[in-house]
Each structure stands twice: as C-alpha cells, then as structure tokens.
C-alpha cells in the first residue's frame, strides 16, 4: 500500500488507497456530509483516503469509463476544510487517472461549483459529457438533474 504524507496547516495527513475494510467508515463520512454512497462498492479500488491520527478526514474517488473519468465523492471533514486537503485528494486521483491513460475528467456537484474551478474544472452541459460517463450511477440516479456538470482536461 502506497502512503504519502503531507503537512497541511501544520498538521500531518496521510493519503492512501482505500481497502475493503474501509467501506463502513467511508460511507459514514459521505452520509454525514450529505453525499451519495451509491456506487461506492463498485468503484472501491479507485478511492484515495486521507487519515490523520488514525481518523478518516477526507476522501476522493474516480470511476473509469471508455471516454473519461468521473470524479466522485470528494469529501473533507469540516475540521480540515480550507487546509488544502481537498486539492491534494483531487490532484491525487487525477494523477492516478492520467497515469492510467485518462484524458478527460468530469464531475457533478450541487454544492462546490465555486470550488472546482480553482482546480482547473469548468462548467459544461450534461450533453457535452460522453455517453459512457453518462451511464454512471452518479449521472443516472445519485445526483439530481440540477447538479452542475464540470470538465477538466488531463492532457498536457
């Protein structure tokens, strides 16, 4: 298991890939932050967790499709917001996806449309998202039709 350690706001946090034993605490954090848990088990190998002092303080995941990835479940415990942890998690999963050959990243949000442009995402229409990505549970069921859709190119 690859673990990277970061110092954010003078606090140490470790980033690591999720394991099957993490599912319950991940779903607990997502539920506490009013984020959907649908599809979590299916995409488990593509989640990155952030831990500090043995506690889960953040996570981000991706779903891989033929025409791009869907960034999902970006969650940061309220005590860690503003520390740079969200950025570190998103950059970690995007780096993994890029190294695996993904060229485009998409996401849906109902609460963070002002945050993600700082990470290079821009608002697009649902129709601009490839059909393969639109087949995700997030698009079909978990996120409402009013969710903002965003895109970021992963190509250099």
N, C-alpha and C. Protein backbone atom coordinates (compact mmCIF):
# COMPACT_ATOMS: atom_id res chain seq x y z
N UNK A 1 0.84 -1.17 0.00
CA UNK A 1 0.00 0.00 0.00
C UNK A 1 0.90 1.24 0.00
N UNK A 2 0.67 2.12 -0.96
CA UNK A 2 1.45 3.34 -1.06
C UNK A 2 0.80 4.42 -0.21
N UNK A 3 1.59 5.00 0.67
CA UNK A 3 1.09 6.06 1.53
C UNK A 3 1.97 7.28 1.31
N UNK A 4 1.33 8.43 1.10
CA UNK A 4 2.11 9.66 1.05
C UNK A 4 1.66 10.52 2.21
N UNK A 5 2.62 11.18 2.81
CA UNK A 5 2.32 12.01 3.97
C UNK A 5 2.51 13.47 3.60
N UNK A 6 1.54 14.28 4.00
CA UNK A 6 1.57 15.71 3.71
C UNK A 6 1.45 16.48 5.01
N UNK A 7 2.01 17.68 5.01
CA UNK A 7 1.80 18.59 6.11
C UNK A 7 0.91 19.72 5.59
N UNK A 8 -0.28 19.82 6.16
CA UNK A 8 -1.24 20.84 5.75
C UNK A 8 -1.63 21.65 6.98
N UNK A 9 -1.42 22.93 6.91
CA UNK A 9 -1.71 23.80 8.06
C UNK A 9 -1.00 23.31 9.32
N UNK A 10 0.21 22.78 9.15
CA UNK A 10 0.98 22.30 10.29
C UNK A 10 0.50 20.98 10.86
N UNK A 11 -0.44 20.31 10.18
CA UNK A 11 -0.94 19.01 10.63
C UNK A 11 -0.56 17.95 9.61
N UNK A 12 -0.19 16.78 10.10
CA UNK A 12 0.18 15.69 9.20
C UNK A 12 -1.04 14.88 8.80
N UNK A 13 -1.10 14.56 7.52
CA UNK A 13 -2.18 13.72 7.00
C UNK A 13 -1.57 12.75 6.00
N UNK A 14 -2.03 11.53 6.04
CA UNK A 14 -1.55 10.51 5.11
C UNK A 14 -2.60 10.23 4.05
N UNK A 15 -2.18 10.09 2.80
CA UNK A 15 -3.06 9.70 1.70
C UNK A 15 -2.71 8.27 1.33
N UNK A 16 -3.75 7.45 1.15
CA UNK A 16 -3.51 6.05 0.79
C UNK A 16 -4.70 5.51 0.00
N UNK A 17 -4.46 4.45 -0.76
CA UNK A 17 -5.58 3.81 -1.47
C UNK A 17 -6.54 3.17 -0.46
N UNK A 18 -7.80 3.15 -0.81
CA UNK A 18 -8.81 2.52 0.04
C UNK A 18 -8.66 1.01 -0.01
N UNK A 19 -9.05 0.36 1.08
CA UNK A 19 -9.11 -1.10 1.14
C UNK A 19 -10.54 -1.49 1.50
N UNK A 20 -10.87 -2.75 1.28
CA UNK A 20 -12.24 -3.21 1.55
C UNK A 20 -12.65 -2.97 3.00
N UNK A 21 -11.72 -3.01 3.91
CA UNK A 21 -12.03 -2.78 5.32
C UNK A 21 -12.42 -1.35 5.65
N UNK A 22 -12.26 -0.43 4.70
CA UNK A 22 -12.57 0.98 4.93
C UNK A 22 -14.00 1.35 4.59
N UNK A 23 -14.75 0.45 3.97
CA UNK A 23 -16.05 0.80 3.41
C UNK A 23 -17.00 1.44 4.42
N UNK A 24 -17.13 0.87 5.58
CA UNK A 24 -18.09 1.41 6.56
C UNK A 24 -17.75 2.85 6.95
N UNK A 25 -16.49 3.13 7.25
CA UNK A 25 -16.17 4.49 7.68
C UNK A 25 -16.26 5.49 6.53
N UNK A 26 -16.01 5.04 5.30
CA UNK A 26 -16.17 5.92 4.14
C UNK A 26 -17.64 6.27 3.96
N UNK A 27 -18.50 5.26 4.02
CA UNK A 27 -19.92 5.53 3.86
C UNK A 27 -20.44 6.41 5.00
N UNK A 28 -19.89 6.26 6.19
CA UNK A 28 -20.28 7.10 7.32
C UNK A 28 -19.92 8.56 7.06
N UNK A 29 -18.70 8.81 6.57
CA UNK A 29 -18.29 10.19 6.27
C UNK A 29 -19.14 10.77 5.14
N UNK A 30 -19.35 10.01 4.07
CA UNK A 30 -20.17 10.50 2.96
C UNK A 30 -21.58 10.85 3.43
N UNK A 31 -22.17 9.98 4.21
CA UNK A 31 -23.52 10.22 4.72
C UNK A 31 -23.56 11.45 5.61
N UNK A 32 -22.56 11.60 6.48
CA UNK A 32 -22.51 12.76 7.39
C UNK A 32 -22.41 14.07 6.62
N UNK A 33 -21.80 14.01 5.44
CA UNK A 33 -21.63 15.22 4.63
C UNK A 33 -22.69 15.33 3.54
N UNK A 34 -23.73 14.51 3.63
CA UNK A 34 -24.86 14.52 2.68
C UNK A 34 -24.44 14.25 1.24
N UNK A 35 -23.47 13.35 1.07
CA UNK A 35 -23.03 12.94 -0.26
C UNK A 35 -23.53 11.54 -0.55
N UNK A 36 -23.80 11.24 -1.83
CA UNK A 36 -24.32 9.91 -2.16
C UNK A 36 -23.29 8.80 -1.96
N UNK A 37 -23.79 7.65 -1.56
CA UNK A 37 -22.93 6.48 -1.41
C UNK A 37 -23.16 5.46 -2.53
N UNK A 38 -24.14 5.69 -3.37
CA UNK A 38 -24.44 4.77 -4.47
C UNK A 38 -23.20 4.58 -5.35
N UNK A 39 -22.87 3.33 -5.64
CA UNK A 39 -21.73 3.01 -6.49
C UNK A 39 -20.41 2.92 -5.77
N UNK A 40 -20.38 3.24 -4.48
CA UNK A 40 -19.12 3.22 -3.72
C UNK A 40 -18.46 1.85 -3.77
N UNK A 41 -19.21 0.80 -3.51
CA UNK A 41 -18.62 -0.54 -3.50
C UNK A 41 -18.06 -0.93 -4.86
N UNK A 42 -18.74 -0.55 -5.92
CA UNK A 42 -18.30 -0.91 -7.27
C UNK A 42 -16.97 -0.27 -7.64
N UNK A 43 -16.75 0.96 -7.21
CA UNK A 43 -15.55 1.70 -7.63
C UNK A 43 -14.49 1.77 -6.55
N UNK A 44 -14.61 0.94 -5.54
CA UNK A 44 -13.74 0.96 -4.39
C UNK A 44 -12.24 1.02 -4.69
N UNK A 45 -11.73 0.27 -5.65
CA UNK A 45 -10.28 0.31 -5.89
C UNK A 45 -9.75 1.66 -6.36
N UNK A 46 -10.64 2.57 -6.69
CA UNK A 46 -10.21 3.86 -7.24
C UNK A 46 -10.47 5.03 -6.28
N UNK A 47 -10.50 4.75 -5.00
CA UNK A 47 -10.66 5.78 -3.97
C UNK A 47 -9.33 6.02 -3.27
N UNK A 48 -9.10 7.27 -2.90
CA UNK A 48 -7.95 7.65 -2.09
C UNK A 48 -8.49 8.22 -0.79
N UNK A 49 -7.92 7.76 0.33
CA UNK A 49 -8.36 8.21 1.65
C UNK A 49 -7.30 9.08 2.30
N UNK A 50 -7.76 10.02 3.11
CA UNK A 50 -6.87 10.88 3.89
C UNK A 50 -7.13 10.59 5.37
N UNK A 51 -6.06 10.29 6.09
CA UNK A 51 -6.18 9.98 7.52
C UNK A 51 -5.22 10.83 8.34
N UNK A 52 -5.71 11.23 9.49
CA UNK A 52 -4.88 11.97 10.45
C UNK A 52 -5.16 11.41 11.83
N UNK A 53 -4.12 11.06 12.53
CA UNK A 53 -4.25 10.49 13.88
C UNK A 53 -5.22 9.31 13.89
N UNK A 54 -5.17 8.48 12.85
CA UNK A 54 -5.98 7.28 12.78
C UNK A 54 -7.43 7.50 12.37
N UNK A 55 -7.83 8.74 12.11
CA UNK A 55 -9.22 9.04 11.74
C UNK A 55 -9.30 9.41 10.26
N UNK A 56 -10.38 9.00 9.62
CA UNK A 56 -10.64 9.38 8.24
C UNK A 56 -11.07 10.84 8.21
N UNK A 57 -10.32 11.66 7.47
CA UNK A 57 -10.63 13.09 7.41
C UNK A 57 -10.96 13.56 6.00
N UNK A 58 -10.85 12.67 5.02
CA UNK A 58 -11.20 13.06 3.66
C UNK A 58 -11.06 11.89 2.71
N UNK A 59 -11.66 12.05 1.54
CA UNK A 59 -11.56 11.02 0.51
C UNK A 59 -11.96 11.59 -0.83
N UNK A 60 -11.56 10.90 -1.87
CA UNK A 60 -11.97 11.22 -3.24
C UNK A 60 -11.88 9.93 -4.05
N UNK A 61 -12.76 9.81 -5.00
CA UNK A 61 -12.75 8.62 -5.84
C UNK A 61 -12.95 8.97 -7.30
N UNK A 62 -12.69 7.99 -8.15
CA UNK A 62 -12.96 8.14 -9.57
C UNK A 62 -13.65 6.88 -10.08
N UNK A 63 -14.42 7.09 -11.13
CA UNK A 63 -15.00 5.99 -11.88
C UNK A 63 -14.39 6.09 -13.27
N UNK A 64 -13.91 4.97 -13.79
CA UNK A 64 -13.25 4.96 -15.11
C UNK A 64 -14.21 4.46 -16.18
N UNK A 65 -14.27 5.21 -17.26
CA UNK A 65 -15.10 4.86 -18.42
C UNK A 65 -14.26 4.97 -19.68
N UNK A 66 -14.80 4.48 -20.78
CA UNK A 66 -14.06 4.47 -22.04
C UNK A 66 -13.65 5.87 -22.49
N UNK A 67 -14.47 6.86 -22.21
CA UNK A 67 -14.23 8.21 -22.73
C UNK A 67 -13.86 9.22 -21.65
N UNK A 68 -13.45 8.76 -20.48
CA UNK A 68 -13.05 9.69 -19.43
C UNK A 68 -13.33 9.12 -18.06
N UNK A 69 -13.04 9.91 -17.07
CA UNK A 69 -13.30 9.51 -15.69
C UNK A 69 -14.31 10.45 -15.07
N UNK A 70 -14.99 9.94 -14.07
CA UNK A 70 -15.90 10.74 -13.27
C UNK A 70 -15.29 10.87 -11.88
N UNK A 71 -15.01 12.09 -11.47
CA UNK A 71 -14.51 12.35 -10.11
C UNK A 71 -15.74 12.33 -9.21
N UNK A 72 -15.66 11.56 -8.12
CA UNK A 72 -16.82 11.42 -7.25
C UNK A 72 -16.41 11.39 -5.79
N UNK A 73 -17.37 11.69 -4.95
CA UNK A 73 -17.21 11.53 -3.51
C UNK A 73 -16.02 12.31 -2.95
N UNK A 74 -15.80 13.51 -3.44
CA UNK A 74 -14.76 14.35 -2.84
C UNK A 74 -15.35 14.89 -1.53
N UNK A 75 -14.79 14.44 -0.43
CA UNK A 75 -15.33 14.79 0.87
C UNK A 75 -14.20 15.13 1.82
N UNK A 76 -14.35 16.23 2.54
CA UNK A 76 -13.35 16.66 3.52
C UNK A 76 -14.09 16.98 4.82
N UNK A 77 -13.62 16.37 5.90
CA UNK A 77 -14.20 16.63 7.22
C UNK A 77 -14.16 18.14 7.48
N UNK A 78 -15.21 18.69 8.07
CA UNK A 78 -15.25 20.15 8.32
C UNK A 78 -14.02 20.70 9.04
N UNK A 79 -13.40 19.93 9.93
CA UNK A 79 -12.21 20.40 10.64
C UNK A 79 -11.01 20.59 9.73
N UNK A 80 -11.07 20.01 8.52
CA UNK A 80 -9.95 20.08 7.58
C UNK A 80 -10.22 20.97 6.38
N UNK A 81 -11.38 21.56 6.31
CA UNK A 81 -11.70 22.42 5.17
C UNK A 81 -10.82 23.67 5.21
N UNK A 82 -10.39 24.09 4.03
CA UNK A 82 -9.52 25.25 3.92
C UNK A 82 -8.05 24.93 4.12
N UNK A 83 -7.71 23.67 4.36
CA UNK A 83 -6.33 23.28 4.63
C UNK A 83 -5.55 22.90 3.38
N UNK A 84 -6.26 22.71 2.26
CA UNK A 84 -5.61 22.22 1.04
C UNK A 84 -5.81 20.72 0.86
N UNK A 85 -6.50 20.08 1.79
CA UNK A 85 -6.71 18.63 1.70
C UNK A 85 -7.56 18.26 0.50
N UNK A 86 -8.61 19.00 0.23
CA UNK A 86 -9.46 18.71 -0.93
C UNK A 86 -8.65 18.74 -2.22
N UNK A 87 -7.84 19.77 -2.38
CA UNK A 87 -6.98 19.88 -3.56
C UNK A 87 -6.03 18.69 -3.66
N UNK A 88 -5.41 18.33 -2.54
CA UNK A 88 -4.47 17.20 -2.54
C UNK A 88 -5.16 15.91 -2.95
N UNK A 89 -6.37 15.68 -2.45
CA UNK A 89 -7.11 14.48 -2.80
C UNK A 89 -7.49 14.46 -4.28
N UNK A 90 -8.01 15.58 -4.77
CA UNK A 90 -8.41 15.64 -6.18
C UNK A 90 -7.19 15.46 -7.08
N UNK A 91 -6.10 16.13 -6.78
CA UNK A 91 -4.90 16.00 -7.61
C UNK A 91 -4.35 14.57 -7.56
N UNK A 92 -4.49 13.91 -6.42
CA UNK A 92 -4.03 12.53 -6.30
C UNK A 92 -4.82 11.61 -7.23
N UNK A 93 -6.16 11.69 -7.20
CA UNK A 93 -6.95 10.79 -8.05
C UNK A 93 -6.83 11.17 -9.52
N UNK A 94 -6.68 12.46 -9.83
CA UNK A 94 -6.50 12.86 -11.23
C UNK A 94 -5.14 12.40 -11.74
N UNK A 95 -4.12 12.45 -10.90
CA UNK A 95 -2.80 11.96 -11.29
C UNK A 95 -2.82 10.47 -11.58
N UNK A 96 -3.51 9.72 -10.73
CA UNK A 96 -3.66 8.28 -10.94
C UNK A 96 -4.36 8.01 -12.27
N UNK A 97 -5.43 8.74 -12.53
CA UNK A 97 -6.20 8.55 -13.76
C UNK A 97 -5.38 8.92 -15.00
N UNK A 98 -4.64 10.00 -14.91
CA UNK A 98 -3.81 10.43 -16.03
C UNK A 98 -2.72 9.42 -16.33
N UNK A 99 -2.07 8.90 -15.29
CA UNK A 99 -1.04 7.88 -15.48
C UNK A 99 -1.61 6.61 -16.11
N UNK A 100 -2.90 6.35 -15.86
CA UNK A 100 -3.56 5.17 -16.43
C UNK A 100 -4.08 5.45 -17.84
N UNK A 101 -3.88 6.68 -18.34
CA UNK A 101 -4.25 6.99 -19.72
C UNK A 101 -5.51 7.82 -19.91
N UNK A 102 -6.18 8.20 -18.85
CA UNK A 102 -7.39 9.03 -18.99
C UNK A 102 -7.00 10.41 -19.51
N UNK A 103 -7.85 10.96 -20.36
CA UNK A 103 -7.57 12.27 -20.95
C UNK A 103 -8.53 13.35 -20.48
N UNK A 104 -9.70 12.94 -19.96
CA UNK A 104 -10.71 13.91 -19.54
C UNK A 104 -11.34 13.49 -18.23
N UNK A 105 -11.61 14.48 -17.38
CA UNK A 105 -12.26 14.24 -16.10
C UNK A 105 -13.55 15.06 -16.04
N UNK A 106 -14.58 14.44 -15.50
CA UNK A 106 -15.89 15.07 -15.35
C UNK A 106 -16.31 14.94 -13.90
N UNK A 107 -17.22 15.81 -13.46
CA UNK A 107 -17.79 15.69 -12.13
C UNK A 107 -19.15 16.35 -12.11
N UNK A 108 -19.93 15.97 -11.11
CA UNK A 108 -21.22 16.58 -10.83
C UNK A 108 -21.15 17.15 -9.43
N UNK A 109 -21.73 18.33 -9.23
CA UNK A 109 -21.74 18.92 -7.89
C UNK A 109 -23.02 19.72 -7.67
N UNK A 110 -23.49 19.67 -6.45
CA UNK A 110 -24.62 20.51 -6.07
C UNK A 110 -24.20 21.56 -5.05
N UNK A 111 -22.96 21.48 -4.58
CA UNK A 111 -22.52 22.39 -3.51
C UNK A 111 -21.17 23.05 -3.75
N UNK A 112 -20.37 22.54 -4.68
CA UNK A 112 -18.99 23.03 -4.79
C UNK A 112 -18.67 23.63 -6.16
N UNK A 113 -19.66 24.23 -6.80
CA UNK A 113 -19.41 24.80 -8.13
C UNK A 113 -18.44 25.98 -8.10
N UNK A 114 -18.22 26.58 -6.95
CA UNK A 114 -17.24 27.66 -6.84
C UNK A 114 -15.85 27.14 -6.50
N UNK A 115 -15.79 25.93 -5.95
CA UNK A 115 -14.51 25.35 -5.55
C UNK A 115 -13.75 24.74 -6.73
N UNK A 116 -14.41 23.93 -7.52
CA UNK A 116 -13.71 23.16 -8.54
C UNK A 116 -13.06 23.99 -9.65
N UNK A 117 -13.55 25.18 -10.01
CA UNK A 117 -12.80 25.98 -11.00
C UNK A 117 -11.37 26.30 -10.54
N UNK A 118 -11.15 26.37 -9.22
CA UNK A 118 -9.80 26.62 -8.71
C UNK A 118 -8.86 25.45 -8.99
N UNK A 119 -9.46 24.29 -9.33
CA UNK A 119 -8.68 23.09 -9.64
C UNK A 119 -8.67 22.81 -11.14
N UNK A 120 -9.07 23.80 -11.93
CA UNK A 120 -9.00 23.66 -13.38
C UNK A 120 -10.25 23.14 -14.05
N UNK A 121 -11.33 22.94 -13.31
CA UNK A 121 -12.59 22.47 -13.90
C UNK A 121 -13.40 23.65 -14.41
N UNK A 122 -14.17 23.39 -15.48
CA UNK A 122 -15.07 24.42 -15.99
C UNK A 122 -16.45 23.81 -16.21
N UNK A 123 -17.47 24.64 -16.10
CA UNK A 123 -18.85 24.19 -16.25
C UNK A 123 -19.12 23.85 -17.71
N UNK A 124 -19.80 22.72 -17.91
CA UNK A 124 -20.24 22.29 -19.24
C UNK A 124 -21.68 21.80 -19.12
N UNK A 125 -22.28 21.47 -20.24
CA UNK A 125 -23.64 20.93 -20.23
C UNK A 125 -23.58 19.41 -20.05
N UNK A 126 -24.66 18.83 -19.59
CA UNK A 126 -24.75 17.37 -19.47
C UNK A 126 -24.56 16.72 -20.83
N UNK A 127 -25.07 17.35 -21.86
CA UNK A 127 -24.98 16.80 -23.21
C UNK A 127 -23.54 16.73 -23.72
N UNK A 128 -22.65 17.53 -23.16
CA UNK A 128 -21.25 17.54 -23.59
C UNK A 128 -20.45 16.39 -22.98
N UNK A 129 -21.03 15.69 -22.03
CA UNK A 129 -20.35 14.57 -21.38
C UNK A 129 -20.52 13.32 -22.24
N UNK A 130 -19.45 12.57 -22.47
CA UNK A 130 -19.56 11.34 -23.27
C UNK A 130 -20.61 10.38 -22.71
N UNK A 131 -21.25 9.67 -23.61
CA UNK A 131 -22.31 8.74 -23.23
C UNK A 131 -21.82 7.71 -22.23
N UNK A 132 -20.59 7.22 -22.38
CA UNK A 132 -20.09 6.21 -21.45
C UNK A 132 -20.07 6.74 -20.02
N UNK A 133 -19.70 7.99 -19.83
CA UNK A 133 -19.66 8.59 -18.49
C UNK A 133 -21.08 8.86 -17.99
N UNK A 134 -21.98 9.23 -18.90
CA UNK A 134 -23.37 9.48 -18.51
C UNK A 134 -24.07 8.23 -18.00
N UNK A 135 -23.51 7.07 -18.25
CA UNK A 135 -24.11 5.82 -17.78
C UNK A 135 -23.80 5.53 -16.32
N UNK A 136 -23.00 6.35 -15.68
CA UNK A 136 -22.64 6.13 -14.28
C UNK A 136 -23.87 6.29 -13.37
N UNK A 137 -23.80 5.66 -12.21
CA UNK A 137 -24.87 5.79 -11.22
C UNK A 137 -25.03 7.25 -10.82
N UNK A 138 -23.92 7.97 -10.72
CA UNK A 138 -23.99 9.39 -10.34
C UNK A 138 -24.87 10.17 -11.31
N UNK A 139 -24.68 9.96 -12.62
CA UNK A 139 -25.47 10.66 -13.62
C UNK A 139 -26.91 10.15 -13.66
N UNK A 140 -27.07 8.84 -13.59
CA UNK A 140 -28.39 8.25 -13.76
C UNK A 140 -29.29 8.38 -12.53
N UNK A 141 -28.69 8.31 -11.32
CA UNK A 141 -29.52 8.21 -10.12
C UNK A 141 -29.10 9.10 -8.95
N UNK A 142 -27.84 9.13 -8.63
CA UNK A 142 -27.39 9.72 -7.37
C UNK A 142 -27.46 11.24 -7.33
N UNK A 143 -27.14 11.89 -8.44
CA UNK A 143 -27.13 13.36 -8.46
C UNK A 143 -28.34 13.88 -9.22
N UNK A 144 -28.98 14.91 -8.70
CA UNK A 144 -30.17 15.44 -9.37
C UNK A 144 -29.84 16.09 -10.71
N UNK A 145 -30.86 16.22 -11.53
CA UNK A 145 -30.68 16.85 -12.85
C UNK A 145 -30.21 18.29 -12.73
N UNK A 146 -30.40 18.90 -11.57
CA UNK A 146 -29.97 20.29 -11.35
C UNK A 146 -28.48 20.40 -10.98
N UNK A 147 -27.80 19.26 -10.79
CA UNK A 147 -26.37 19.30 -10.43
C UNK A 147 -25.57 19.98 -11.54
N UNK A 148 -24.57 20.71 -11.14
CA UNK A 148 -23.65 21.36 -12.08
C UNK A 148 -22.69 20.31 -12.61
N UNK A 149 -22.46 20.32 -13.93
CA UNK A 149 -21.53 19.39 -14.57
C UNK A 149 -20.26 20.15 -14.92
N UNK A 150 -19.11 19.56 -14.63
CA UNK A 150 -17.83 20.23 -14.89
C UNK A 150 -16.87 19.28 -15.58
N UNK A 151 -15.88 19.87 -16.27
CA UNK A 151 -14.89 19.11 -17.03
C UNK A 151 -13.50 19.70 -16.82
N UNK A 152 -12.52 18.82 -16.86
CA UNK A 152 -11.10 19.24 -16.86
C UNK A 152 -10.35 18.30 -17.76
N UNK A 153 -9.55 18.86 -18.65
CA UNK A 153 -8.69 18.04 -19.50
C UNK A 153 -7.51 17.55 -18.67
N UNK A 154 -7.14 16.30 -18.89
CA UNK A 154 -5.97 15.74 -18.20
C UNK A 154 -4.77 15.67 -19.13
N UNK A 155 -4.96 16.08 -20.38
CA UNK A 155 -3.86 16.08 -21.36
C UNK A 155 -2.97 17.26 -21.12
N UNK A 156 -1.67 17.08 -21.33
CA UNK A 156 -0.75 18.20 -21.14
C UNK A 156 -0.70 19.09 -22.33
